[in-house]
Protein backbone atom coordinates (compact mmCIF):
# COMPACT_ATOMS: atom_id res chain seq x y z
CA MET A 1 -2.14 -10.06 -0.77
CA GLY A 2 -1.44 -13.49 -2.54
CA GLY A 3 0.87 -13.85 -5.29
CA THR A 4 1.43 -17.40 -5.92
CA TRP A 5 -1.31 -18.68 -8.22
CA PHE A 6 -3.16 -17.88 -11.15
CA LEU A 7 -4.42 -13.74 -11.07
CA GLY A 8 -2.15 -12.83 -8.08
CA ARG A 9 0.88 -14.91 -9.65
CA THR A 10 0.55 -13.03 -12.60
CA VAL A 11 0.51 -9.65 -10.93
CA ALA A 12 3.68 -10.39 -9.48
CA GLU A 13 5.06 -11.55 -12.50
CA GLU A 14 4.65 -8.45 -14.43
CA ALA A 15 5.58 -6.05 -12.07
CA LEU A 16 8.94 -7.71 -11.54
CA ARG A 17 8.95 -7.47 -15.25
CA ARG A 18 8.96 -3.63 -14.96
CA GLY A 19 11.28 -3.49 -12.68
CA TRP A 20 9.26 -3.01 -9.68
CA GLU A 21 9.80 -3.56 -5.90
CA VAL A 22 7.37 -6.57 -5.12
CA SER A 23 6.80 -8.09 -1.85
CA THR A 24 3.98 -10.61 -1.35
CA PHE A 25 1.81 -11.87 1.94
CA ASN A 26 0.36 -15.66 1.80
CA ARG A 27 0.31 -18.68 3.70
CA GLY A 28 2.58 -20.44 1.21
CA ARG A 29 -0.01 -23.15 0.17
CA SER A 30 -0.66 -22.84 -3.19
CA GLY A 31 2.49 -22.22 -5.07
CA PRO A 32 5.73 -21.47 -4.63
CA ASP A 33 6.68 -17.98 -3.99
CA VAL A 34 7.54 -15.76 -7.41
CA PRO A 35 11.21 -15.97 -7.82
CA GLY A 36 12.51 -12.01 -7.05
CA VAL A 37 9.74 -11.29 -4.87
CA ARG A 38 10.35 -10.49 -1.29
CA ALA A 39 8.03 -13.29 0.09
CA VAL A 40 6.37 -12.76 3.35
CA HIS A 41 4.02 -15.73 5.07
CA GLY A 42 1.31 -15.68 7.01
CA ASP A 43 -2.25 -16.52 7.60
CA ARG A 44 -4.23 -13.06 6.88
CA ALA A 45 -7.77 -14.31 8.77
CA ASP A 46 -5.36 -14.73 12.22
CA PRO A 47 -5.07 -11.68 14.48
CA GLU A 48 -1.46 -12.84 14.90
CA GLY A 49 -0.80 -13.27 11.19
CA LEU A 50 -1.49 -9.40 10.21
CA LEU A 51 1.27 -8.49 12.69
CA ALA A 52 4.06 -9.36 9.81
CA PRO A 53 3.03 -7.29 6.86
CA PRO A 54 3.46 -3.70 7.83
CA SER A 55 7.25 -4.08 9.04
CA TYR A 56 8.19 -4.82 5.47
CA GLY A 57 6.44 -1.45 4.63
CA PRO A 58 5.70 1.15 3.02
CA TRP A 59 3.86 0.52 -0.38
CA ASP A 60 2.51 2.47 -2.97
CA VAL A 61 -0.84 0.49 -3.29
CA VAL A 62 -1.69 -2.89 -2.20
CA VAL A 63 -3.30 -5.42 -4.76
CA ASP A 64 -5.41 -7.95 -3.14
CA THR A 65 -6.40 -11.00 -4.97
CA SER A 66 -6.43 -13.60 -2.11
CA SER A 67 -9.67 -13.24 -0.32
CA SER A 68 -12.14 -14.45 -2.68
CA ALA A 69 -13.06 -16.89 0.06
CA LEU A 70 -12.64 -14.52 3.03
CA PRO A 71 -15.23 -12.76 5.11
CA PRO A 72 -15.47 -9.03 5.15
CA ARG A 73 -14.25 -8.81 8.66
CA ASP A 74 -10.95 -10.57 7.66
CA VAL A 75 -10.67 -8.27 5.01
CA LEU A 76 -11.33 -5.21 7.64
CA ALA A 77 -8.60 -6.10 9.66
CA GLY A 78 -6.24 -6.42 6.79
CA ALA A 79 -6.86 -3.14 5.57
CA ARG A 80 -6.46 -1.66 8.63
CA ALA A 81 -3.29 -3.58 9.43
CA LEU A 82 -1.78 -2.19 6.15
CA GLN A 83 -3.39 1.61 5.81
CA PRO A 84 -0.88 3.14 7.71
CA VAL A 85 2.12 2.04 5.31
CA ALA A 86 0.08 1.69 2.25
CA GLU A 87 -1.12 4.39 -0.13
CA ARG A 88 -4.18 2.98 -2.57
CA TYR A 89 -5.77 -0.56 -1.68
CA VAL A 90 -6.73 -2.09 -4.88
CA TYR A 91 -9.75 -5.01 -4.19
CA ILE A 92 -10.59 -7.32 -6.56
CA SER A 93 -14.56 -7.81 -6.20
CA THR A 94 -16.64 -9.53 -8.31
CA VAL A 95 -19.81 -8.18 -10.53
CA ASN A 96 -21.95 -10.79 -8.34
CA ALA A 97 -21.66 -7.81 -5.50
CA TYR A 98 -24.79 -6.05 -7.78
CA ARG A 99 -27.98 -6.50 -6.74
CA GLY A 100 -29.27 -6.41 -10.45
CA TRP A 101 -26.42 -9.08 -12.03
CA PRO A 102 -26.95 -11.24 -14.11
CA SER A 103 -30.33 -9.78 -15.35
CA ASP A 104 -30.10 -6.08 -15.55
CA PRO A 105 -27.85 -3.71 -17.53
CA LEU A 106 -25.14 -2.27 -15.23
CA THR A 107 -22.62 0.37 -14.53
CA GLU A 108 -20.28 1.06 -12.34
CA GLN A 109 -23.70 3.32 -10.40
CA SER A 110 -25.63 0.38 -9.84
CA GLU A 111 -26.84 -0.94 -6.74
CA LEU A 112 -24.78 -3.26 -4.33
CA LEU A 113 -25.85 -6.17 -2.46
CA ASP A 114 -26.38 -5.59 1.69
CA GLY A 115 -23.27 -6.26 3.53
CA PRO A 116 -22.16 -4.79 6.27
CA PRO A 117 -17.93 -4.30 6.63
CA ASP A 118 -17.50 -6.27 9.51
CA ALA A 119 -19.80 -9.31 8.50
CA ASP A 120 -18.73 -12.61 9.28
CA ALA A 121 -18.85 -16.11 6.90
CA GLU A 122 -22.37 -16.66 8.05
CA TYR A 123 -24.00 -13.53 6.99
CA GLY A 124 -25.89 -13.30 4.16
CA ARG A 125 -26.60 -17.67 3.34
CA LEU A 126 -29.90 -18.18 1.93
CA PRO A 127 -32.15 -20.28 3.38
CA GLU A 128 -32.53 -23.90 2.27
CA GLY A 129 -34.59 -24.47 -0.64
CA TRP A 130 -33.95 -20.81 -1.85
CA ASP A 131 -34.70 -20.74 -5.80
CA GLY A 132 -33.51 -17.33 -6.47
CA PRO A 133 -30.47 -15.44 -7.31
CA ASP A 134 -27.06 -17.14 -5.29
CA TRP A 135 -26.77 -13.38 -3.28
CA TYR A 136 -24.50 -15.15 -0.92
CA TYR A 137 -21.20 -14.67 -2.71
CA GLY A 138 -22.31 -11.31 -3.74
CA ARG A 139 -22.97 -10.15 -0.28
CA GLN A 140 -19.96 -11.39 1.26
CA LYS A 141 -18.05 -9.15 -1.61
CA ALA A 142 -20.11 -5.93 -1.57
CA GLY A 143 -19.09 -6.03 2.53
CA ALA A 144 -15.56 -6.39 2.01
CA GLU A 145 -15.96 -3.78 -0.69
CA ARG A 146 -17.15 -1.25 2.11
CA ALA A 147 -14.41 -2.65 4.27
CA VAL A 148 -11.89 -1.12 2.05
CA LEU A 149 -13.60 1.77 2.23
CA GLU A 150 -14.09 1.93 5.42
CA VAL A 151 -10.66 2.11 6.13
CA PHE A 152 -8.64 3.67 2.83
CA GLY A 153 -11.41 5.86 1.82
CA GLU A 154 -12.90 6.54 -1.65
CA LYS A 155 -9.53 8.30 -3.15
CA ARG A 156 -7.45 5.87 -1.72
CA SER A 157 -9.23 2.64 -3.14
CA VAL A 158 -9.62 0.43 -5.98
CA LEU A 159 -12.55 -1.81 -6.39
CA LEU A 160 -12.66 -4.27 -9.66
CA ARG A 161 -15.64 -5.74 -10.35
CA PRO A 162 -14.58 -8.56 -13.17
CA GLY A 163 -17.00 -11.43 -14.12
CA VAL A 164 -14.99 -14.50 -15.44
CA ILE A 165 -11.39 -14.39 -15.29
CA LEU A 166 -9.95 -16.66 -17.81
CA GLY A 167 -5.91 -17.42 -18.83
CA PRO A 168 -3.30 -19.66 -17.83
CA GLY A 169 -3.01 -20.99 -14.41
CA GLU A 170 -7.18 -20.58 -14.22
CA TYR A 171 -7.85 -23.48 -11.36
CA VAL A 172 -11.69 -23.77 -12.13
CA GLY A 173 -11.99 -25.28 -15.71
CA ARG A 174 -13.62 -22.71 -17.03
CA LEU A 175 -10.80 -21.91 -19.74
CA PRO A 176 -10.83 -25.30 -21.37
CA TRP A 177 -14.68 -25.26 -21.46
CA TRP A 178 -14.53 -21.95 -23.52
CA LEU A 179 -11.77 -23.67 -26.02
CA ARG A 180 -13.40 -26.48 -26.89
CA ARG A 181 -16.83 -24.71 -27.49
CA LEU A 182 -15.34 -22.42 -29.54
CA SER A 183 -12.96 -24.83 -31.47
CA GLY A 184 -15.76 -26.77 -32.01
CA ALA A 185 -17.63 -23.87 -33.33
CA GLY A 186 -14.87 -22.91 -35.65
CA ALA A 187 -14.62 -19.67 -34.26
CA SER A 188 -11.22 -18.09 -32.95
CA TRP A 189 -10.29 -16.35 -30.08
CA ARG A 190 -7.41 -13.69 -30.15
CA ARG A 191 -5.49 -13.18 -26.42
CA GLU A 192 -5.11 -9.54 -25.46
CA THR A 193 -1.49 -9.16 -25.37
CA ARG A 194 -1.72 -6.56 -22.91
CA PRO A 195 -2.49 -7.61 -19.17
CA ARG A 196 -5.61 -6.14 -18.32
CA ALA A 197 -4.81 -7.17 -14.72
CA PHE A 198 -1.99 -4.98 -14.89
CA SER A 199 -3.24 -2.08 -16.45
CA ARG A 200 -5.63 -2.17 -14.25
CA TRP A 201 -3.15 -1.68 -11.33
CA MET A 202 -1.64 1.23 -13.24
CA CYS A 203 -4.74 2.48 -13.07
CA ALA A 204 -4.52 2.37 -9.35
CA MET A 205 -1.20 4.52 -9.46
CA SER A 206 -3.28 7.71 -11.07
CA ARG A 207 -6.09 9.78 -10.32
CA CYS A 208 -8.78 7.12 -11.77
CA SER A 209 -12.25 6.28 -10.82
CA PRO A 210 -12.25 4.13 -7.95
CA TRP A 211 -14.95 1.80 -9.16
CA SER A 212 -14.68 0.10 -12.40
CA ARG A 213 -16.05 -2.92 -14.00
CA VAL A 214 -14.15 -5.05 -16.15
CA ARG A 215 -15.39 -6.27 -19.41
CA HIS A 216 -14.50 -7.38 -22.59
CA ARG A 217 -16.09 -6.79 -25.48
CA TRP A 218 -17.06 -10.37 -26.82
CA ALA A 219 -21.24 -10.65 -26.22
CA GLY A 220 -21.01 -7.98 -23.33
CA ARG A 221 -19.99 -10.42 -21.15
CA THR A 222 -17.26 -10.16 -17.97
CA THR A 223 -13.83 -11.75 -19.26
CA TRP A 224 -10.70 -10.55 -18.26
CA TRP A 225 -7.73 -12.67 -19.11
CA PRO A 226 -4.62 -12.19 -16.40
CA ARG A 227 -2.01 -12.65 -18.98
């Protein structure tokens, strides 16, 4: 789901490099399709758009990298459409889904924020003048996690909760900020050579735990290099 920029593109490219058959589903707006994939275009937020993908299956695993701005109900609809033709569903969530983030130590069993699997984009919006934690995004992602679990169940779902995802193609501007900061301090940064994103995809193909934070050792913070 996605596959044309940043994390999704990296996953598609690495899968092809390993000789896997890859299909991508996206609107065709964020970038060109990766050469070699079977590209399917459509809008996953449109019920009509979800009619096409199942006809191209079956698949061993679905990797959902394109739902950061989608409400839980759209993730729920997509999961329902793909459930008959996919063995597993990997959902890229966020560490923000934890109620205690960023102040408390966390484990995979830490409490999640509220958020029903069929919530719309208005669910969890914070009142004007709110000065507490920004729980809106976390509530939306926690609801989307529940949507995946409702359809695929625990044994067929893999929920990844990274914090900051950095690497080539990053579009928010965090990577240049970190590089300038490290350079100014005289520090060096050794990039991991094995794609953390793809190793987790491999985990999805095995009988691993369905929940996982994705953490880098540096400063105890979550930093995920896609490639």
